[in-house]
Amino acid sequence: MCDGGDMAEAPRNCPGRDADAHAHLEAYDRPGIRDLARTAALVEAAGYCRLTRVQEIMEFARACGFSRLGLAFCIGLRREAQVVVRVFRANGFSVDSVVCKSGSTPKEVLGIEDAQKVDPGTEEPMCDPIGQARRLEKARTELNVVLGLCVGHDSLFMMHSAAPVTVLAAKDRVLGHNPLAAIYLADSYYRARLFPGDPDAGDEEAVIGSSASPPRAPDG
């Protein structure tokens, strides 16, 4: 199959079977793109099951020749952000960090009503991922790292970042910022929550043409 190079065994609805399945490969010849893709593959091989995510980020940055890192972080993870900055600097990188609430812009700017706030009756600044991206662009960072931005805010940051973006951690307030825990429990404790009203929806056989296996420790 796809990870083994044998498309003959792929499901009939696999996009890899399309006539133009490899038409996009020309994109890897664009300036800078091929180097990033090649470096990512080399770092993956060198650190496979050996380096932690934060170590891989630093190895990737070094291999790309990046010395100036940006950190776009959530205010709820400010303590973690402090440690990340210390780690990056201890490993020879310069770091510019920007918190999500930077600028303290009121949520009313987005048309948010008081009753729609997390804590109604208070002055509640909005998260400003576009502002974070602009400030890091002004600092001329070469690689930006996302730490716990909210769903959607991370999307806006990535859309507006001038530098390449990678993610150190995704926010999940319920699961201690380990979103995959819900996926690993999809067929047990979280089944009713993730497949509401359809107890059979989570069965592998119910996914037509799927080649997915039950969640397990990833190989990639």
N, C-alpha and C. Protein backbone atom coordinates (compact mmCIF):
# COMPACT_ATOMS: atom_id res chain seq x y z
N MET A 1 0.84 -1.18 0.00
CA MET A 1 0.00 0.00 0.00
C MET A 1 0.88 1.25 0.00
N CYS A 2 0.26 2.41 0.30
CA CYS A 2 0.98 3.69 0.17
C CYS A 2 2.32 3.71 0.91
N ASP A 3 2.34 3.21 2.15
CA ASP A 3 3.58 3.30 2.92
C ASP A 3 4.59 2.23 2.52
N GLY A 4 4.18 1.32 1.64
CA GLY A 4 5.10 0.30 1.17
C GLY A 4 5.44 0.44 -0.30
N GLY A 5 4.77 1.38 -0.97
CA GLY A 5 5.06 1.64 -2.37
C GLY A 5 4.27 0.78 -3.35
N ASP A 6 3.39 -0.07 -2.85
CA ASP A 6 2.64 -0.96 -3.73
C ASP A 6 1.20 -0.47 -3.83
N MET A 7 0.92 0.36 -4.84
CA MET A 7 -0.41 0.92 -5.01
C MET A 7 -1.42 -0.10 -5.51
N ALA A 8 -0.96 -1.26 -5.98
CA ALA A 8 -1.87 -2.28 -6.48
C ALA A 8 -2.77 -2.81 -5.37
N GLU A 9 -2.30 -2.70 -4.12
CA GLU A 9 -3.06 -3.20 -2.98
C GLU A 9 -3.91 -2.10 -2.33
N ALA A 10 -3.86 -0.90 -2.87
CA ALA A 10 -4.60 0.21 -2.28
C ALA A 10 -6.09 0.08 -2.53
N PRO A 11 -6.94 0.60 -1.65
CA PRO A 11 -8.40 0.56 -1.86
C PRO A 11 -8.77 1.26 -3.16
N ARG A 12 -9.91 0.90 -3.74
CA ARG A 12 -10.32 1.47 -5.02
C ARG A 12 -10.54 2.98 -4.95
N ASN A 13 -10.93 3.48 -3.76
CA ASN A 13 -11.19 4.91 -3.64
C ASN A 13 -9.97 5.69 -3.13
N CYS A 14 -8.83 5.04 -3.14
CA CYS A 14 -7.61 5.71 -2.68
C CYS A 14 -7.23 6.81 -3.67
N PRO A 15 -7.01 8.04 -3.19
CA PRO A 15 -6.64 9.14 -4.11
C PRO A 15 -5.32 8.89 -4.83
N GLY A 16 -4.50 7.99 -4.30
CA GLY A 16 -3.24 7.67 -4.95
C GLY A 16 -3.41 6.95 -6.27
N ARG A 17 -4.63 6.46 -6.55
CA ARG A 17 -4.90 5.76 -7.80
C ARG A 17 -5.31 6.73 -8.92
N ASP A 18 -5.56 7.99 -8.57
CA ASP A 18 -5.99 8.96 -9.56
C ASP A 18 -4.92 9.15 -10.64
N ALA A 19 -5.37 9.45 -11.84
CA ALA A 19 -4.44 9.63 -12.96
C ALA A 19 -3.46 10.76 -12.72
N ASP A 20 -3.91 11.77 -11.97
CA ASP A 20 -3.03 12.92 -11.70
C ASP A 20 -2.48 12.89 -10.28
N ALA A 21 -2.38 11.69 -9.71
CA ALA A 21 -1.97 11.55 -8.31
C ALA A 21 -0.61 12.16 -8.01
N HIS A 22 0.25 12.22 -9.00
CA HIS A 22 1.59 12.73 -8.77
C HIS A 22 1.86 14.06 -9.48
N ALA A 23 0.80 14.67 -9.97
CA ALA A 23 0.97 15.93 -10.70
C ALA A 23 1.52 17.04 -9.81
N HIS A 24 1.24 16.93 -8.52
CA HIS A 24 1.67 17.98 -7.59
C HIS A 24 3.16 17.93 -7.28
N LEU A 25 3.84 16.86 -7.67
CA LEU A 25 5.25 16.69 -7.30
C LEU A 25 6.14 17.81 -7.83
N GLU A 26 5.67 18.48 -8.87
CA GLU A 26 6.46 19.60 -9.39
C GLU A 26 6.60 20.71 -8.37
N ALA A 27 5.69 20.74 -7.39
CA ALA A 27 5.77 21.77 -6.35
C ALA A 27 7.04 21.63 -5.52
N TYR A 28 7.57 20.41 -5.43
CA TYR A 28 8.80 20.19 -4.66
C TYR A 28 10.04 20.74 -5.34
N ASP A 29 9.89 21.21 -6.57
CA ASP A 29 11.02 21.82 -7.28
C ASP A 29 11.06 23.33 -7.12
N ARG A 30 10.08 23.87 -6.41
CA ARG A 30 10.06 25.32 -6.19
C ARG A 30 11.19 25.72 -5.24
N PRO A 31 11.70 26.93 -5.41
CA PRO A 31 12.79 27.41 -4.53
C PRO A 31 12.45 27.29 -3.06
N GLY A 32 13.31 26.64 -2.33
CA GLY A 32 13.13 26.49 -0.89
C GLY A 32 12.30 25.29 -0.48
N ILE A 33 11.32 24.90 -1.29
CA ILE A 33 10.42 23.81 -0.93
C ILE A 33 11.16 22.47 -0.91
N ARG A 34 11.93 22.22 -1.96
CA ARG A 34 12.66 20.94 -2.03
C ARG A 34 13.61 20.79 -0.85
N ASP A 35 14.29 21.87 -0.48
CA ASP A 35 15.22 21.81 0.65
C ASP A 35 14.50 21.50 1.94
N LEU A 36 13.34 22.14 2.16
CA LEU A 36 12.57 21.88 3.38
C LEU A 36 12.11 20.42 3.43
N ALA A 37 11.58 19.94 2.30
CA ALA A 37 11.07 18.56 2.25
C ALA A 37 12.20 17.55 2.46
N ARG A 38 13.33 17.78 1.82
CA ARG A 38 14.46 16.86 1.95
C ARG A 38 15.01 16.87 3.37
N THR A 39 15.12 18.07 3.94
CA THR A 39 15.63 18.19 5.31
C THR A 39 14.71 17.51 6.30
N ALA A 40 13.39 17.68 6.10
CA ALA A 40 12.42 17.03 6.99
C ALA A 40 12.57 15.51 6.95
N ALA A 41 12.78 14.96 5.76
CA ALA A 41 12.94 13.51 5.62
C ALA A 41 14.23 13.03 6.30
N LEU A 42 15.30 13.81 6.17
CA LEU A 42 16.57 13.44 6.78
C LEU A 42 16.50 13.50 8.30
N VAL A 43 15.83 14.54 8.82
CA VAL A 43 15.68 14.66 10.28
C VAL A 43 14.80 13.55 10.82
N GLU A 44 13.75 13.19 10.07
CA GLU A 44 12.88 12.08 10.48
C GLU A 44 13.69 10.80 10.63
N ALA A 45 14.54 10.50 9.64
CA ALA A 45 15.33 9.28 9.67
C ALA A 45 16.36 9.30 10.79
N ALA A 46 17.01 10.43 10.97
CA ALA A 46 18.07 10.53 11.97
C ALA A 46 17.54 10.44 13.40
N GLY A 47 16.33 10.97 13.62
CA GLY A 47 15.80 11.00 14.98
C GLY A 47 14.69 10.02 15.25
N TYR A 48 14.45 9.11 14.31
CA TYR A 48 13.31 8.20 14.40
C TYR A 48 13.29 7.41 15.71
N CYS A 49 12.23 7.62 16.50
CA CYS A 49 12.05 6.94 17.80
C CYS A 49 13.21 7.21 18.75
N ARG A 50 13.94 8.27 18.50
CA ARG A 50 15.07 8.61 19.37
C ARG A 50 14.97 10.02 19.91
N LEU A 51 14.55 10.95 19.05
CA LEU A 51 14.45 12.35 19.47
C LEU A 51 13.01 12.71 19.83
N THR A 52 12.84 13.53 20.85
CA THR A 52 11.53 14.05 21.20
C THR A 52 11.14 15.13 20.19
N ARG A 53 9.89 15.56 20.25
CA ARG A 53 9.41 16.56 19.29
C ARG A 53 10.23 17.86 19.39
N VAL A 54 10.49 18.32 20.60
CA VAL A 54 11.24 19.58 20.74
C VAL A 54 12.66 19.42 20.21
N GLN A 55 13.24 18.24 20.38
CA GLN A 55 14.58 17.99 19.84
C GLN A 55 14.55 17.95 18.31
N GLU A 56 13.52 17.33 17.75
CA GLU A 56 13.41 17.28 16.30
C GLU A 56 13.26 18.67 15.70
N ILE A 57 12.51 19.53 16.38
CA ILE A 57 12.35 20.91 15.90
C ILE A 57 13.70 21.60 15.84
N MET A 58 14.50 21.41 16.87
CA MET A 58 15.82 22.06 16.88
C MET A 58 16.74 21.46 15.83
N GLU A 59 16.68 20.15 15.63
CA GLU A 59 17.50 19.51 14.60
C GLU A 59 17.08 19.99 13.21
N PHE A 60 15.78 20.11 13.00
CA PHE A 60 15.27 20.60 11.72
C PHE A 60 15.73 22.03 11.48
N ALA A 61 15.64 22.86 12.49
CA ALA A 61 16.05 24.25 12.36
C ALA A 61 17.54 24.34 12.02
N ARG A 62 18.35 23.56 12.71
CA ARG A 62 19.81 23.58 12.45
C ARG A 62 20.10 23.13 11.01
N ALA A 63 19.44 22.05 10.62
CA ALA A 63 19.69 21.50 9.28
C ALA A 63 19.27 22.48 8.18
N CYS A 64 18.28 23.31 8.48
CA CYS A 64 17.83 24.31 7.51
C CYS A 64 18.67 25.59 7.57
N GLY A 65 19.54 25.67 8.57
CA GLY A 65 20.34 26.87 8.73
C GLY A 65 19.61 27.99 9.43
N PHE A 66 18.53 27.65 10.15
CA PHE A 66 17.75 28.65 10.88
C PHE A 66 18.35 28.85 12.27
N SER A 67 18.54 30.07 12.66
CA SER A 67 19.05 30.36 14.00
C SER A 67 18.08 31.22 14.82
N ARG A 68 17.08 31.81 14.14
CA ARG A 68 16.13 32.70 14.82
C ARG A 68 14.74 32.06 14.80
N LEU A 69 14.29 31.63 15.97
CA LEU A 69 13.00 30.96 16.10
C LEU A 69 11.95 31.90 16.67
N GLY A 70 10.71 31.68 16.23
CA GLY A 70 9.58 32.41 16.79
C GLY A 70 8.70 31.44 17.56
N LEU A 71 8.11 31.89 18.65
CA LEU A 71 7.22 31.04 19.45
C LEU A 71 5.89 31.77 19.63
N ALA A 72 4.85 31.22 19.01
CA ALA A 72 3.50 31.76 19.17
C ALA A 72 2.78 30.87 20.17
N PHE A 73 2.52 31.40 21.36
CA PHE A 73 1.99 30.54 22.41
C PHE A 73 0.71 31.09 23.03
N CYS A 74 -0.03 30.18 23.65
CA CYS A 74 -1.25 30.52 24.37
C CYS A 74 -0.89 31.00 25.77
N ILE A 75 -1.63 31.97 26.25
CA ILE A 75 -1.36 32.50 27.58
C ILE A 75 -1.55 31.44 28.66
N GLY A 76 -2.40 30.44 28.36
CA GLY A 76 -2.61 29.36 29.32
C GLY A 76 -1.41 28.43 29.43
N LEU A 77 -0.49 28.52 28.49
CA LEU A 77 0.73 27.71 28.53
C LEU A 77 1.96 28.59 28.67
N ARG A 78 1.82 29.70 29.37
CA ARG A 78 2.95 30.63 29.50
C ARG A 78 4.11 30.02 30.28
N ARG A 79 3.80 29.17 31.25
CA ARG A 79 4.89 28.53 32.00
C ARG A 79 5.65 27.55 31.10
N GLU A 80 4.90 26.79 30.33
CA GLU A 80 5.54 25.88 29.38
C GLU A 80 6.36 26.66 28.36
N ALA A 81 5.83 27.81 27.94
CA ALA A 81 6.53 28.65 26.96
C ALA A 81 7.86 29.13 27.51
N GLN A 82 7.89 29.47 28.79
CA GLN A 82 9.14 29.91 29.41
C GLN A 82 10.20 28.81 29.33
N VAL A 83 9.77 27.58 29.58
CA VAL A 83 10.72 26.46 29.52
C VAL A 83 11.20 26.25 28.08
N VAL A 84 10.26 26.33 27.14
CA VAL A 84 10.62 26.14 25.73
C VAL A 84 11.65 27.18 25.29
N VAL A 85 11.43 28.43 25.67
CA VAL A 85 12.37 29.49 25.32
C VAL A 85 13.74 29.21 25.92
N ARG A 86 13.75 28.76 27.16
CA ARG A 86 15.03 28.43 27.82
C ARG A 86 15.74 27.32 27.07
N VAL A 87 14.98 26.30 26.66
CA VAL A 87 15.57 25.16 25.94
C VAL A 87 16.16 25.62 24.62
N PHE A 88 15.39 26.38 23.87
CA PHE A 88 15.88 26.85 22.57
C PHE A 88 17.14 27.69 22.72
N ARG A 89 17.13 28.60 23.67
CA ARG A 89 18.29 29.48 23.86
C ARG A 89 19.50 28.71 24.36
N ALA A 90 19.26 27.72 25.20
CA ALA A 90 20.36 26.90 25.71
C ALA A 90 21.02 26.10 24.60
N ASN A 91 20.29 25.92 23.50
CA ASN A 91 20.81 25.16 22.36
C ASN A 91 21.28 26.07 21.22
N GLY A 92 21.49 27.33 21.54
CA GLY A 92 22.10 28.24 20.60
C GLY A 92 21.19 29.04 19.70
N PHE A 93 19.88 28.98 19.92
CA PHE A 93 18.95 29.72 19.08
C PHE A 93 18.56 31.04 19.74
N SER A 94 18.30 32.04 18.92
CA SER A 94 17.67 33.26 19.43
C SER A 94 16.18 33.06 19.29
N VAL A 95 15.41 33.58 20.22
CA VAL A 95 13.97 33.32 20.23
C VAL A 95 13.18 34.61 20.45
N ASP A 96 12.16 34.79 19.63
CA ASP A 96 11.18 35.86 19.83
C ASP A 96 9.85 35.18 20.10
N SER A 97 9.20 35.53 21.21
CA SER A 97 7.94 34.89 21.56
C SER A 97 6.83 35.92 21.66
N VAL A 98 5.63 35.50 21.29
CA VAL A 98 4.46 36.38 21.34
C VAL A 98 3.28 35.60 21.91
N VAL A 99 2.65 36.15 22.94
CA VAL A 99 1.49 35.51 23.57
C VAL A 99 0.23 35.83 22.78
N CYS A 100 -0.76 34.96 22.87
CA CYS A 100 -1.98 35.10 22.08
C CYS A 100 -2.77 36.36 22.40
N LYS A 101 -2.71 36.84 23.63
CA LYS A 101 -3.47 38.02 24.05
C LYS A 101 -2.72 39.32 23.82
N SER A 102 -1.60 39.25 23.13
CA SER A 102 -0.79 40.43 22.89
C SER A 102 -1.62 41.56 22.26
N GLY A 103 -1.52 42.76 22.83
CA GLY A 103 -2.29 43.90 22.34
C GLY A 103 -3.56 44.14 23.13
N SER A 104 -4.02 43.11 23.86
CA SER A 104 -5.21 43.21 24.71
C SER A 104 -6.40 43.83 23.97
N THR A 105 -6.67 43.32 22.77
CA THR A 105 -7.80 43.80 21.98
C THR A 105 -9.10 43.17 22.47
N PRO A 106 -10.11 43.97 22.78
CA PRO A 106 -11.36 43.40 23.30
C PRO A 106 -12.08 42.53 22.27
N LYS A 107 -12.75 41.49 22.74
CA LYS A 107 -13.45 40.57 21.85
C LYS A 107 -14.60 41.25 21.11
N GLU A 108 -15.05 42.37 21.63
CA GLU A 108 -16.13 43.09 20.96
C GLU A 108 -15.75 43.48 19.53
N VAL A 109 -14.44 43.58 19.24
CA VAL A 109 -13.97 43.89 17.89
C VAL A 109 -14.46 42.84 16.90
N LEU A 110 -14.62 41.61 17.36
CA LEU A 110 -15.08 40.50 16.51
C LEU A 110 -16.60 40.35 16.53
N GLY A 111 -17.27 41.24 17.23
CA GLY A 111 -18.71 41.14 17.33
C GLY A 111 -19.17 40.16 18.40
N ILE A 112 -18.27 39.81 19.29
CA ILE A 112 -18.61 38.91 20.39
C ILE A 112 -19.40 39.66 21.46
N GLU A 113 -20.56 39.13 21.81
CA GLU A 113 -21.38 39.75 22.85
C GLU A 113 -20.94 39.26 24.22
N ASP A 114 -21.32 40.01 25.23
CA ASP A 114 -20.88 39.68 26.59
C ASP A 114 -21.28 38.26 26.99
N ALA A 115 -22.49 37.86 26.64
CA ALA A 115 -22.97 36.52 27.00
C ALA A 115 -22.21 35.41 26.30
N GLN A 116 -21.47 35.77 25.23
CA GLN A 116 -20.73 34.77 24.47
C GLN A 116 -19.28 34.62 24.93
N LYS A 117 -18.89 35.37 25.93
CA LYS A 117 -17.52 35.30 26.43
C LYS A 117 -17.33 34.06 27.31
N VAL A 118 -16.09 33.70 27.51
CA VAL A 118 -15.77 32.61 28.43
C VAL A 118 -16.21 32.97 29.83
N ASP A 119 -15.99 34.24 30.19
CA ASP A 119 -16.35 34.73 31.51
C ASP A 119 -17.16 36.02 31.36
N PRO A 120 -18.47 35.90 31.13
CA PRO A 120 -19.32 37.08 30.92
C PRO A 120 -19.20 38.09 32.06
N GLY A 121 -19.34 39.36 31.72
CA GLY A 121 -19.28 40.41 32.72
C GLY A 121 -17.87 40.92 32.97
N THR A 122 -16.91 40.44 32.20
CA THR A 122 -15.53 40.87 32.38
C THR A 122 -14.99 41.45 31.08
N GLU A 123 -13.90 42.18 31.19
CA GLU A 123 -13.19 42.64 30.00
C GLU A 123 -12.32 41.48 29.53
N GLU A 124 -12.65 40.94 28.38
CA GLU A 124 -12.00 39.72 27.91
C GLU A 124 -11.31 39.98 26.57
N PRO A 125 -9.98 40.07 26.57
CA PRO A 125 -9.25 40.30 25.32
C PRO A 125 -9.37 39.10 24.38
N MET A 126 -9.39 39.37 23.10
CA MET A 126 -9.44 38.30 22.10
C MET A 126 -8.05 37.72 21.87
N CYS A 127 -7.99 36.48 21.40
CA CYS A 127 -6.74 35.93 20.93
C CYS A 127 -6.47 36.57 19.58
N ASP A 128 -5.23 36.93 19.31
CA ASP A 128 -4.90 37.66 18.10
C ASP A 128 -3.78 36.95 17.34
N PRO A 129 -4.11 35.81 16.69
CA PRO A 129 -3.08 35.05 15.98
C PRO A 129 -2.48 35.79 14.79
N ILE A 130 -3.28 36.64 14.14
CA ILE A 130 -2.74 37.41 13.03
C ILE A 130 -1.71 38.41 13.55
N GLY A 131 -2.02 39.00 14.71
CA GLY A 131 -1.07 39.90 15.34
C GLY A 131 0.21 39.18 15.73
N GLN A 132 0.07 37.95 16.22
CA GLN A 132 1.25 37.16 16.57
C GLN A 132 2.12 36.93 15.34
N ALA A 133 1.48 36.58 14.22
CA ALA A 133 2.22 36.34 12.98
C ALA A 133 2.91 37.61 12.51
N ARG A 134 2.23 38.73 12.58
CA ARG A 134 2.81 39.99 12.13
C ARG A 134 3.99 40.40 13.00
N ARG A 135 3.89 40.19 14.30
CA ARG A 135 4.98 40.58 15.19
C ARG A 135 6.21 39.71 14.98
N LEU A 136 5.99 38.43 14.71
CA LEU A 136 7.13 37.55 14.44
C LEU A 136 7.73 37.84 13.07
N GLU A 137 6.90 38.26 12.13
CA GLU A 137 7.43 38.67 10.83
C GLU A 137 8.33 39.90 11.00
N LYS A 138 7.88 40.83 11.83
CA LYS A 138 8.67 42.03 12.10
C LYS A 138 10.00 41.67 12.76
N ALA A 139 9.99 40.60 13.57
CA ALA A 139 11.22 40.16 14.24
C ALA A 139 12.11 39.34 13.31
N ARG A 140 11.61 39.05 12.11
CA ARG A 140 12.35 38.31 11.09
C ARG A 140 12.74 36.90 11.55
N THR A 141 11.80 36.23 12.19
CA THR A 141 12.05 34.85 12.59
C THR A 141 12.10 33.97 11.34
N GLU A 142 12.84 32.88 11.43
CA GLU A 142 13.03 32.00 10.27
C GLU A 142 12.18 30.73 10.34
N LEU A 143 11.78 30.35 11.54
CA LEU A 143 10.91 29.20 11.76
C LEU A 143 10.04 29.52 12.96
N ASN A 144 8.73 29.43 12.79
CA ASN A 144 7.81 29.72 13.88
C ASN A 144 7.23 28.45 14.48
N VAL A 145 7.19 28.41 15.80
CA VAL A 145 6.72 27.24 16.53
C VAL A 145 5.42 27.58 17.25
N VAL A 146 4.40 26.76 17.04
CA VAL A 146 3.11 26.97 17.69
C VAL A 146 3.04 26.15 18.97
N LEU A 147 2.65 26.79 20.05
CA LEU A 147 2.51 26.12 21.34
C LEU A 147 1.12 26.39 21.91
N GLY A 148 0.21 25.45 21.69
CA GLY A 148 -1.09 25.48 22.34
C GLY A 148 -2.06 26.54 21.91
N LEU A 149 -1.99 27.02 20.67
CA LEU A 149 -3.01 27.97 20.22
C LEU A 149 -4.35 27.24 20.06
N CYS A 150 -5.44 27.98 20.26
CA CYS A 150 -6.77 27.39 20.15
C CYS A 150 -7.05 26.91 18.73
N VAL A 151 -7.98 25.99 18.60
CA VAL A 151 -8.44 25.54 17.29
C VAL A 151 -8.96 26.76 16.52
N GLY A 152 -8.53 26.93 15.31
CA GLY A 152 -8.94 28.07 14.51
C GLY A 152 -7.95 29.21 14.62
N HIS A 153 -7.52 29.51 15.84
CA HIS A 153 -6.49 30.53 16.02
C HIS A 153 -5.18 30.03 15.43
N ASP A 154 -4.92 28.73 15.61
CA ASP A 154 -3.70 28.17 14.99
C ASP A 154 -3.79 28.24 13.47
N SER A 155 -5.00 28.03 12.94
CA SER A 155 -5.18 28.11 11.48
C SER A 155 -4.86 29.51 10.98
N LEU A 156 -5.37 30.52 11.67
CA LEU A 156 -5.13 31.90 11.27
C LEU A 156 -3.66 32.26 11.36
N PHE A 157 -3.00 31.76 12.40
CA PHE A 157 -1.57 32.04 12.54
C PHE A 157 -0.79 31.44 11.37
N MET A 158 -1.09 30.19 11.03
CA MET A 158 -0.39 29.53 9.93
C MET A 158 -0.66 30.22 8.60
N MET A 159 -1.88 30.71 8.42
CA MET A 159 -2.23 31.39 7.18
C MET A 159 -1.47 32.69 7.00
N HIS A 160 -1.11 33.33 8.10
CA HIS A 160 -0.50 34.66 8.02
C HIS A 160 0.98 34.68 8.39
N SER A 161 1.54 33.55 8.74
CA SER A 161 2.95 33.51 9.11
C SER A 161 3.83 33.69 7.88
N ALA A 162 4.81 34.58 7.98
CA ALA A 162 5.75 34.79 6.88
C ALA A 162 6.78 33.67 6.82
N ALA A 163 7.08 33.06 7.97
CA ALA A 163 8.06 31.98 8.06
C ALA A 163 7.36 30.63 8.10
N PRO A 164 8.07 29.55 7.76
CA PRO A 164 7.49 28.21 7.90
C PRO A 164 7.04 27.98 9.35
N VAL A 165 6.02 27.15 9.51
CA VAL A 165 5.44 26.91 10.84
C VAL A 165 5.49 25.43 11.18
N THR A 166 5.81 25.12 12.43
CA THR A 166 5.70 23.76 12.94
C THR A 166 5.00 23.83 14.29
N VAL A 167 4.46 22.71 14.73
CA VAL A 167 3.69 22.68 15.98
C VAL A 167 4.43 21.86 17.03
N LEU A 168 4.63 22.46 18.19
CA LEU A 168 5.22 21.72 19.30
C LEU A 168 4.14 20.98 20.08
N ALA A 169 3.01 21.65 20.32
CA ALA A 169 1.92 21.02 21.06
C ALA A 169 0.59 21.64 20.66
N ALA A 170 -0.43 20.78 20.53
CA ALA A 170 -1.78 21.24 20.22
C ALA A 170 -2.58 21.34 21.52
N LYS A 171 -3.43 22.33 21.58
CA LYS A 171 -4.19 22.54 22.80
C LYS A 171 -5.33 21.54 22.94
N ASP A 172 -5.48 20.99 24.13
CA ASP A 172 -6.64 20.19 24.51
C ASP A 172 -6.76 20.34 26.02
N ARG A 173 -7.60 21.27 26.43
CA ARG A 173 -7.73 21.58 27.86
C ARG A 173 -8.21 20.39 28.68
N VAL A 174 -9.05 19.57 28.07
CA VAL A 174 -9.64 18.43 28.78
C VAL A 174 -8.64 17.30 28.98
N LEU A 175 -7.79 17.07 27.98
CA LEU A 175 -6.89 15.92 28.00
C LEU A 175 -5.43 16.30 28.25
N GLY A 176 -5.21 17.42 28.91
CA GLY A 176 -3.83 17.80 29.24
C GLY A 176 -2.98 18.00 27.99
N HIS A 177 -3.61 18.55 26.93
CA HIS A 177 -2.91 18.85 25.68
C HIS A 177 -2.36 17.59 25.01
N ASN A 178 -3.14 16.51 25.12
CA ASN A 178 -2.82 15.26 24.44
C ASN A 178 -4.06 14.84 23.65
N PRO A 179 -4.36 15.52 22.52
CA PRO A 179 -5.59 15.27 21.78
C PRO A 179 -5.80 13.83 21.34
N LEU A 180 -4.72 13.10 21.07
CA LEU A 180 -4.87 11.73 20.58
C LEU A 180 -5.42 10.78 21.63
N ALA A 181 -5.43 11.20 22.89
CA ALA A 181 -6.00 10.34 23.92
C ALA A 181 -7.46 10.03 23.61
N ALA A 182 -8.19 11.00 23.09
CA ALA A 182 -9.59 10.76 22.72
C ALA A 182 -9.70 9.77 21.58
N ILE A 183 -8.74 9.81 20.66
CA ILE A 183 -8.76 8.88 19.53
C ILE A 183 -8.43 7.46 19.98
N TYR A 184 -7.45 7.35 20.88
CA TYR A 184 -7.10 6.02 21.40
C TYR A 184 -8.25 5.40 22.20
N LEU A 185 -9.13 6.26 22.72
CA LEU A 185 -10.27 5.79 23.52
C LEU A 185 -11.58 5.82 22.74
N ALA A 186 -11.48 6.02 21.42
CA ALA A 186 -12.68 6.17 20.59
C ALA A 186 -13.56 4.93 20.60
N ASP A 187 -12.98 3.77 20.80
CA ASP A 187 -13.76 2.53 20.80
C ASP A 187 -14.05 2.03 22.21
N SER A 188 -13.78 2.89 23.19
CA SER A 188 -14.07 2.49 24.56
C SER A 188 -14.72 3.65 25.31
N TYR A 189 -13.98 4.32 26.17
CA TYR A 189 -14.57 5.34 27.03
C TYR A 189 -15.17 6.54 26.29
N TYR A 190 -14.62 6.89 25.15
CA TYR A 190 -15.10 8.07 24.43
C TYR A 190 -16.03 7.72 23.26
N ARG A 191 -16.38 6.46 23.14
CA ARG A 191 -17.19 6.03 21.98
C ARG A 191 -18.51 6.79 21.88
N ALA A 192 -19.24 6.87 22.99
CA ALA A 192 -20.54 7.53 22.97
C ALA A 192 -20.42 9.02 22.65
N ARG A 193 -19.33 9.62 23.04
CA ARG A 193 -19.13 11.06 22.79
C ARG A 193 -18.71 11.33 21.34
N LEU A 194 -17.89 10.46 20.80
CA LEU A 194 -17.37 10.69 19.45
C LEU A 194 -18.27 10.14 18.36
N PHE A 195 -19.14 9.19 18.70
CA PHE A 195 -20.07 8.64 17.72
C PHE A 195 -21.50 8.74 18.27
N PRO A 196 -21.99 9.94 18.51
CA PRO A 196 -23.31 10.12 19.13
C PRO A 196 -24.45 9.63 18.23
N GLY A 197 -25.35 8.84 18.84
CA GLY A 197 -26.54 8.40 18.12
C GLY A 197 -26.33 7.29 17.12
N ASP A 198 -25.08 6.86 16.94
CA ASP A 198 -24.81 5.80 15.96
C ASP A 198 -23.70 4.90 16.49
N PRO A 199 -24.05 3.94 17.30
CA PRO A 199 -23.05 3.08 17.93
C PRO A 199 -22.21 2.28 16.95
N ASP A 200 -22.69 2.13 15.69
CA ASP A 200 -21.94 1.35 14.71
C ASP A 200 -21.02 2.21 13.85
N ALA A 201 -21.14 3.51 14.00
CA ALA A 201 -20.36 4.42 13.14
C ALA A 201 -18.87 4.26 13.35
N GLY A 202 -18.48 3.81 14.52
CA GLY A 202 -17.06 3.69 14.79
C GLY A 202 -16.45 2.38 14.34
N ASP A 203 -17.31 1.45 13.82
CA ASP A 203 -16.78 0.17 13.38
C ASP A 203 -15.97 0.34 12.10
N GLU A 204 -14.85 -0.31 12.04
CA GLU A 204 -13.99 -0.21 10.87
C GLU A 204 -14.72 -0.63 9.60
N GLU A 205 -15.57 -1.66 9.71
CA GLU A 205 -16.27 -2.15 8.54
C GLU A 205 -17.26 -1.13 7.98
N ALA A 206 -17.69 -0.19 8.85
CA ALA A 206 -18.68 0.79 8.43
C ALA A 206 -18.08 1.89 7.58
N VAL A 207 -16.76 2.00 7.58
CA VAL A 207 -16.09 3.03 6.78
C VAL A 207 -15.78 2.44 5.41
N ILE A 208 -16.62 2.74 4.44
CA ILE A 208 -16.51 2.15 3.10
C ILE A 208 -15.18 2.50 2.44
N GLY A 209 -14.49 1.49 2.00
CA GLY A 209 -13.23 1.71 1.29
C GLY A 209 -12.08 2.10 2.18
N SER A 210 -12.29 2.04 3.46
CA SER A 210 -11.23 2.48 4.36
C SER A 210 -10.17 1.43 4.53
N SER A 211 -8.93 1.88 4.64
CA SER A 211 -7.83 0.95 4.92
C SER A 211 -7.27 1.22 6.30
N ALA A 212 -8.04 2.00 7.08
CA ALA A 212 -7.55 2.37 8.41
C ALA A 212 -7.58 1.19 9.36
N SER A 213 -6.65 1.19 10.26
CA SER A 213 -6.59 0.17 11.31
C SER A 213 -6.94 0.85 12.62
N PRO A 214 -7.28 0.07 13.66
CA PRO A 214 -7.57 0.67 14.96
C PRO A 214 -6.39 1.49 15.43
N PRO A 215 -6.64 2.61 16.11
CA PRO A 215 -5.56 3.48 16.56
C PRO A 215 -4.52 2.72 17.37
N ARG A 216 -3.27 3.02 17.10
CA ARG A 216 -2.17 2.42 17.84
C ARG A 216 -1.01 3.39 17.82
N ALA A 217 0.07 2.99 18.44
CA ALA A 217 1.26 3.85 18.42
C ALA A 217 1.67 4.06 16.98
N PRO A 218 1.82 5.33 16.55
CA PRO A 218 2.10 5.61 15.14
C PRO A 218 3.48 5.15 14.69
N ASP A 219 3.58 4.81 13.38
CA ASP A 219 4.85 4.41 12.79
C ASP A 219 5.54 5.59 12.12
N GLY A 220 4.75 6.58 11.69
CA GLY A 220 5.29 7.68 10.93
C GLY A 220 5.92 8.77 11.78
